[in-house]
Amino acid sequence: MAQGERRMKRKTKGYGSFPKNIQKRFAKTTKKTVLKYKCKDCEHTFQAKGIRVKKLEVLRV
């Protein structure tokens, strides 16, 4: 038996279940939104860091 299997067996002994709660639903209420920027000269595209938002409004200037 592998070491991880022995360790898991020892952890779950007496519980009759998993040692920690298993997440069954999504914990996050929002998804990360990533903005894509495109260069007008060379058409190079890059992404900004994703932020969590419920509503996103993009204005062109």
PDB file of N, CA and C in Angstrom:
ATOM      1  N   MET A   1       0.844  -1.188   0.000  1.00  0.00           N
ATOM      2  CA  MET A   1       0.000   0.000   0.000  1.00  0.00           C
ATOM      3  C   MET A   1       0.891   1.253   0.000  1.00  0.00           C
ATOM      4  N   ALA A   2       0.518   2.243  -0.755  1.00  0.00           N
ATOM      5  CA  ALA A   2       1.303   3.468  -0.849  1.00  0.00           C
ATOM      6  C   ALA A   2       1.174   4.293   0.436  1.00  0.00           C
ATOM      7  N   GLN A   3       2.142   5.166   0.676  1.00  0.00           N
ATOM      8  CA  GLN A   3       2.160   5.978   1.891  1.00  0.00           C
ATOM      9  C   GLN A   3       0.925   6.877   1.986  1.00  0.00           C
ATOM     10  N   GLY A   4       0.529   7.454   0.878  1.00  0.00           N
ATOM     11  CA  GLY A   4      -0.648   8.326   0.873  1.00  0.00           C
ATOM     12  C   GLY A   4      -1.916   7.566   1.216  1.00  0.00           C
ATOM     13  N   GLU A   5      -2.013   6.360   0.730  1.00  0.00           N
ATOM     14  CA  GLU A   5      -3.188   5.523   1.014  1.00  0.00           C
ATOM     15  C   GLU A   5      -3.241   5.147   2.496  1.00  0.00           C
ATOM     16  N   ARG A   6      -2.065   4.828   3.071  1.00  0.00           N
ATOM     17  CA  ARG A   6      -2.007   4.503   4.503  1.00  0.00           C
ATOM     18  C   ARG A   6      -2.369   5.715   5.351  1.00  0.00           C
ATOM     19  N   ARG A   7      -1.879   6.858   4.955  1.00  0.00           N
ATOM     20  CA  ARG A   7      -2.164   8.100   5.689  1.00  0.00           C
ATOM     21  C   ARG A   7      -3.661   8.423   5.637  1.00  0.00           C
ATOM     22  N   MET A   8      -4.265   8.250   4.460  1.00  0.00           N
ATOM     23  CA  MET A   8      -5.684   8.542   4.289  1.00  0.00           C
ATOM     24  C   MET A   8      -6.532   7.584   5.115  1.00  0.00           C
ATOM     25  N   LYS A   9      -6.129   6.321   5.140  1.00  0.00           N
ATOM     26  CA  LYS A   9      -6.850   5.317   5.922  1.00  0.00           C
ATOM     27  C   LYS A   9      -6.804   5.666   7.409  1.00  0.00           C
ATOM     28  N   ARG A  10      -5.639   6.128   7.869  1.00  0.00           N
ATOM     29  CA  ARG A  10      -5.476   6.522   9.268  1.00  0.00           C
ATOM     30  C   ARG A  10      -6.324   7.748   9.596  1.00  0.00           C
ATOM     31  N   LYS A  11      -6.410   8.689   8.656  1.00  0.00           N
ATOM     32  CA  LYS A  11      -7.199   9.909   8.876  1.00  0.00           C
ATOM     33  C   LYS A  11      -8.692   9.622   8.954  1.00  0.00           C
ATOM     34  N   THR A  12      -9.164   8.730   8.087  1.00  0.00           N
ATOM     35  CA  THR A  12     -10.600   8.463   8.018  1.00  0.00           C
ATOM     36  C   THR A  12     -11.049   7.386   9.000  1.00  0.00           C
ATOM     37  N   LYS A  13     -10.108   6.803   9.720  1.00  0.00           N
ATOM     38  CA  LYS A  13     -10.450   5.731  10.663  1.00  0.00           C
ATOM     39  C   LYS A  13     -11.345   6.280  11.776  1.00  0.00           C
ATOM     40  N   GLY A  14     -12.492   5.655  11.995  1.00  0.00           N
ATOM     41  CA  GLY A  14     -13.392   6.078  13.059  1.00  0.00           C
ATOM     42  C   GLY A  14     -14.436   7.075  12.583  1.00  0.00           C
ATOM     43  N   TYR A  15     -14.140   7.810  11.509  1.00  0.00           N
ATOM     44  CA  TYR A  15     -15.093   8.793  10.998  1.00  0.00           C
ATOM     45  C   TYR A  15     -16.190   8.121  10.192  1.00  0.00           C
ATOM     46  N   GLY A  16     -15.773   7.221   9.333  1.00  0.00           N
ATOM     47  CA  GLY A  16     -16.704   6.635   8.394  1.00  0.00           C
ATOM     48  C   GLY A  16     -16.942   7.554   7.214  1.00  0.00           C
ATOM     49  N   SER A  17     -16.113   8.593   7.111  1.00  0.00           N
ATOM     50  CA  SER A  17     -16.261   9.531   5.992  1.00  0.00           C
ATOM     51  C   SER A  17     -14.933  10.233   5.755  1.00  0.00           C
ATOM     52  N   PHE A  18     -14.971  11.209   4.905  1.00  0.00           N
ATOM     53  CA  PHE A  18     -13.786  11.990   4.550  1.00  0.00           C
ATOM     54  C   PHE A  18     -13.373  12.879   5.720  1.00  0.00           C
ATOM     55  N   PRO A  19     -12.080  13.113   5.937  1.00  0.00           N
ATOM     56  CA  PRO A  19     -11.646  13.924   7.071  1.00  0.00           C
ATOM     57  C   PRO A  19     -12.055  15.392   6.976  1.00  0.00           C
ATOM     58  N   LYS A  20     -12.196  15.887   5.774  1.00  0.00           N
ATOM     59  CA  LYS A  20     -12.609  17.289   5.590  1.00  0.00           C
ATOM     60  C   LYS A  20     -13.860  17.329   4.734  1.00  0.00           C
ATOM     61  N   ASN A  21     -14.606  18.408   4.833  1.00  0.00           N
ATOM     62  CA  ASN A  21     -15.800  18.566   4.009  1.00  0.00           C
ATOM     63  C   ASN A  21     -15.427  18.673   2.540  1.00  0.00           C
ATOM     64  N   ILE A  22     -16.198  18.016   1.690  1.00  0.00           N
ATOM     65  CA  ILE A  22     -16.002  18.130   0.249  1.00  0.00           C
ATOM     66  C   ILE A  22     -16.993  19.163  -0.260  1.00  0.00           C
ATOM     67  N   GLN A  23     -16.475  20.148  -0.979  1.00  0.00           N
ATOM     68  CA  GLN A  23     -17.318  21.228  -1.479  1.00  0.00           C
ATOM     69  C   GLN A  23     -18.233  20.708  -2.581  1.00  0.00           C
ATOM     70  N   LYS A  24     -19.520  20.917  -2.424  1.00  0.00           N
ATOM     71  CA  LYS A  24     -20.484  20.392  -3.396  1.00  0.00           C
ATOM     72  C   LYS A  24     -21.036  21.465  -4.323  1.00  0.00           C
ATOM     73  N   ARG A  25     -20.964  22.722  -3.915  1.00  0.00           N
ATOM     74  CA  ARG A  25     -21.460  23.823  -4.747  1.00  0.00           C
ATOM     75  C   ARG A  25     -20.348  24.837  -4.960  1.00  0.00           C
ATOM     76  N   PHE A  26     -20.623  25.798  -5.812  1.00  0.00           N
ATOM     77  CA  PHE A  26     -19.658  26.865  -6.024  1.00  0.00           C
ATOM     78  C   PHE A  26     -19.584  27.745  -4.795  1.00  0.00           C
ATOM     79  N   ALA A  27     -18.382  28.061  -4.363  1.00  0.00           N
ATOM     80  CA  ALA A  27     -18.209  28.944  -3.213  1.00  0.00           C
ATOM     81  C   ALA A  27     -18.252  30.398  -3.666  1.00  0.00           C
ATOM     82  N   LYS A  28     -17.853  30.649  -4.886  1.00  0.00           N
ATOM     83  CA  LYS A  28     -17.795  32.019  -5.387  1.00  0.00           C
ATOM     84  C   LYS A  28     -19.122  32.385  -6.051  1.00  0.00           C
ATOM     85  N   THR A  29     -19.552  33.609  -5.818  1.00  0.00           N
ATOM     86  CA  THR A  29     -20.803  34.070  -6.438  1.00  0.00           C
ATOM     87  C   THR A  29     -20.532  34.791  -7.747  1.00  0.00           C
ATOM     88  N   THR A  30     -19.292  35.199  -7.976  1.00  0.00           N
ATOM     89  CA  THR A  30     -18.946  35.901  -9.215  1.00  0.00           C
ATOM     90  C   THR A  30     -17.778  35.197  -9.896  1.00  0.00           C
ATOM     91  N   LYS A  31     -17.653  35.429 -11.184  1.00  0.00           N
ATOM     92  CA  LYS A  31     -16.516  34.904 -11.925  1.00  0.00           C
ATOM     93  C   LYS A  31     -15.548  36.055 -12.198  1.00  0.00           C
ATOM     94  N   LYS A  32     -14.305  35.706 -12.434  1.00  0.00           N
ATOM     95  CA  LYS A  32     -13.311  36.736 -12.732  1.00  0.00           C
ATOM     96  C   LYS A  32     -13.487  37.208 -14.173  1.00  0.00           C
ATOM     97  N   THR A  33     -13.489  38.527 -14.350  1.00  0.00           N
ATOM     98  CA  THR A  33     -13.624  39.129 -15.669  1.00  0.00           C
ATOM     99  C   THR A  33     -12.249  39.615 -16.119  1.00  0.00           C
ATOM    100  N   VAL A  34     -11.858  39.235 -17.318  1.00  0.00           N
ATOM    101  CA  VAL A  34     -10.555  39.615 -17.852  1.00  0.00           C
ATOM    102  C   VAL A  34     -10.771  40.565 -19.017  1.00  0.00           C
ATOM    103  N   LEU A  35     -10.109  41.714 -18.977  1.00  0.00           N
ATOM    104  CA  LEU A  35     -10.207  42.678 -20.071  1.00  0.00           C
ATOM    105  C   LEU A  35      -9.114  42.395 -21.100  1.00  0.00           C
ATOM    106  N   LYS A  36      -9.509  42.381 -22.372  1.00  0.00           N
ATOM    107  CA  LYS A  36      -8.545  42.183 -23.449  1.00  0.00           C
ATOM    108  C   LYS A  36      -8.309  43.517 -24.137  1.00  0.00           C
ATOM    109  N   TYR A  37      -7.055  43.924 -24.190  1.00  0.00           N
ATOM    110  CA  TYR A  37      -6.678  45.174 -24.853  1.00  0.00           C
ATOM    111  C   TYR A  37      -6.013  44.843 -26.177  1.00  0.00           C
ATOM    112  N   LYS A  38      -6.330  45.654 -27.218  1.00  0.00           N
ATOM    113  CA  LYS A  38      -5.750  45.426 -28.536  1.00  0.00           C
ATOM    114  C   LYS A  38      -5.083  46.711 -29.010  1.00  0.00           C
ATOM    115  N   CYS A  39      -3.851  46.602 -29.478  1.00  0.00           N
ATOM    116  CA  CYS A  39      -3.103  47.742 -29.996  1.00  0.00           C
ATOM    117  C   CYS A  39      -3.669  48.132 -31.365  1.00  0.00           C
ATOM    118  N   LYS A  40      -3.892  49.420 -31.567  1.00  0.00           N
ATOM    119  CA  LYS A  40      -4.446  49.880 -32.845  1.00  0.00           C
ATOM    120  C   LYS A  40      -3.422  49.825 -33.971  1.00  0.00           C
ATOM    121  N   ASP A  41      -2.151  49.942 -33.629  1.00  0.00           N
ATOM    122  CA  ASP A  41      -1.102  49.952 -34.648  1.00  0.00           C
ATOM    123  C   ASP A  41      -0.728  48.542 -35.112  1.00  0.00           C
ATOM    124  N   CYS A  42      -0.355  47.682 -34.159  1.00  0.00           N
ATOM    125  CA  CYS A  42       0.185  46.368 -34.538  1.00  0.00           C
ATOM    126  C   CYS A  42      -0.778  45.214 -34.268  1.00  0.00           C
ATOM    127  N   GLU A  43      -1.990  45.504 -33.777  1.00  0.00           N
ATOM    128  CA  GLU A  43      -3.011  44.491 -33.510  1.00  0.00           C
ATOM    129  C   GLU A  43      -2.590  43.492 -32.422  1.00  0.00           C
ATOM    130  N   HIS A  44      -1.591  43.846 -31.628  1.00  0.00           N
ATOM    131  CA  HIS A  44      -1.144  42.972 -30.535  1.00  0.00           C
ATOM    132  C   HIS A  44      -2.193  42.982 -29.424  1.00  0.00           C
ATOM    133  N   THR A  45      -2.567  41.807 -28.936  1.00  0.00           N
ATOM    134  CA  THR A  45      -3.591  41.689 -27.895  1.00  0.00           C
ATOM    135  C   THR A  45      -2.948  41.225 -26.598  1.00  0.00           C
ATOM    136  N   PHE A  46      -3.319  41.868 -25.493  1.00  0.00           N
ATOM    137  CA  PHE A  46      -2.867  41.394 -24.196  1.00  0.00           C
ATOM    138  C   PHE A  46      -4.005  41.525 -23.199  1.00  0.00           C
ATOM    139  N   GLN A  47      -3.921  40.748 -22.126  1.00  0.00           N
ATOM    140  CA  GLN A  47      -4.990  40.705 -21.141  1.00  0.00           C
ATOM    141  C   GLN A  47      -4.561  41.376 -19.848  1.00  0.00           C
ATOM    142  N   ALA A  48      -5.515  42.088 -19.247  1.00  0.00           N
ATOM    143  CA  ALA A  48      -5.280  42.685 -17.940  1.00  0.00           C
ATOM    144  C   ALA A  48      -5.623  41.650 -16.876  1.00  0.00           C
ATOM    145  N   LYS A  49      -5.152  41.881 -15.681  1.00  0.00           N
ATOM    146  CA  LYS A  49      -5.413  40.953 -14.587  1.00  0.00           C
ATOM    147  C   LYS A  49      -6.911  40.875 -14.311  1.00  0.00           C
ATOM    148  N   GLY A  50      -7.418  39.667 -14.079  1.00  0.00           N
ATOM    149  CA  GLY A  50      -8.843  39.470 -13.847  1.00  0.00           C
ATOM    150  C   GLY A  50      -9.279  39.970 -12.482  1.00  0.00           C
ATOM    151  N   ILE A  51     -10.444  40.601 -12.437  1.00  0.00           N
ATOM    152  CA  ILE A  51     -11.009  41.074 -11.178  1.00  0.00           C
ATOM    153  C   ILE A  51     -12.423  40.523 -11.043  1.00  0.00           C
ATOM    154  N   ARG A  52     -12.870  40.346  -9.816  1.00  0.00           N
ATOM    155  CA  ARG A  52     -14.216  39.820  -9.582  1.00  0.00           C
ATOM    156  C   ARG A  52     -15.224  40.958  -9.599  1.00  0.00           C
ATOM    157  N   VAL A  53     -16.181  40.876 -10.503  1.00  0.00           N
ATOM    158  CA  VAL A  53     -17.226  41.894 -10.596  1.00  0.00           C
ATOM    159  C   VAL A  53     -18.560  41.219 -10.872  1.00  0.00           C
ATOM    160  N   LYS A  54     -19.621  41.810 -10.349  1.00  0.00           N
ATOM    161  CA  LYS A  54     -20.958  41.306 -10.659  1.00  0.00           C
ATOM    162  C   LYS A  54     -21.476  41.948 -11.940  1.00  0.00           C
ATOM    163  N   LYS A  55     -21.139  43.226 -12.122  1.00  0.00           N
ATOM    164  CA  LYS A  55     -21.593  43.947 -13.300  1.00  0.00           C
ATOM    165  C   LYS A  55     -20.415  44.728 -13.874  1.00  0.00           C
ATOM    166  N   LEU A  56     -20.230  44.691 -15.176  1.00  0.00           N
ATOM    167  CA  LEU A  56     -19.110  45.362 -15.818  1.00  0.00           C
ATOM    168  C   LEU A  56     -19.640  46.262 -16.921  1.00  0.00           C
ATOM    169  N   GLU A  57     -19.199  47.523 -16.892  1.00  0.00           N
ATOM    170  CA  GLU A  57     -19.605  48.469 -17.924  1.00  0.00           C
ATOM    171  C   GLU A  57     -18.335  48.988 -18.594  1.00  0.00           C
ATOM    172  N   VAL A  58     -18.265  48.822 -19.901  1.00  0.00           N
ATOM    173  CA  VAL A  58     -17.075  49.244 -20.642  1.00  0.00           C
ATOM    174  C   VAL A  58     -17.443  50.483 -21.468  1.00  0.00           C
ATOM    175  N   LEU A  59     -16.685  51.559 -21.264  1.00  0.00           N
ATOM    176  CA  LEU A  59     -16.908  52.808 -21.989  1.00  0.00           C
ATOM    177  C   LEU A  59     -15.729  53.047 -22.926  1.00  0.00           C
ATOM    178  N   ARG A  60     -16.029  53.400 -24.162  1.00  0.00           N
ATOM    179  CA  ARG A  60     -14.969  53.745 -25.126  1.00  0.00           C
ATOM    180  C   ARG A  60     -14.752  55.234 -25.079  1.00  0.00           C
ATOM    181  N   VAL A  61     -13.504  55.608 -25.020  1.00  0.00           N
ATOM    182  CA  VAL A  61     -13.175  57.033 -24.951  1.00  0.00           C
ATOM    183  C   VAL A  61     -12.522  57.482 -26.235  1.00  0.00           C
TER     184      VAL A  61
END
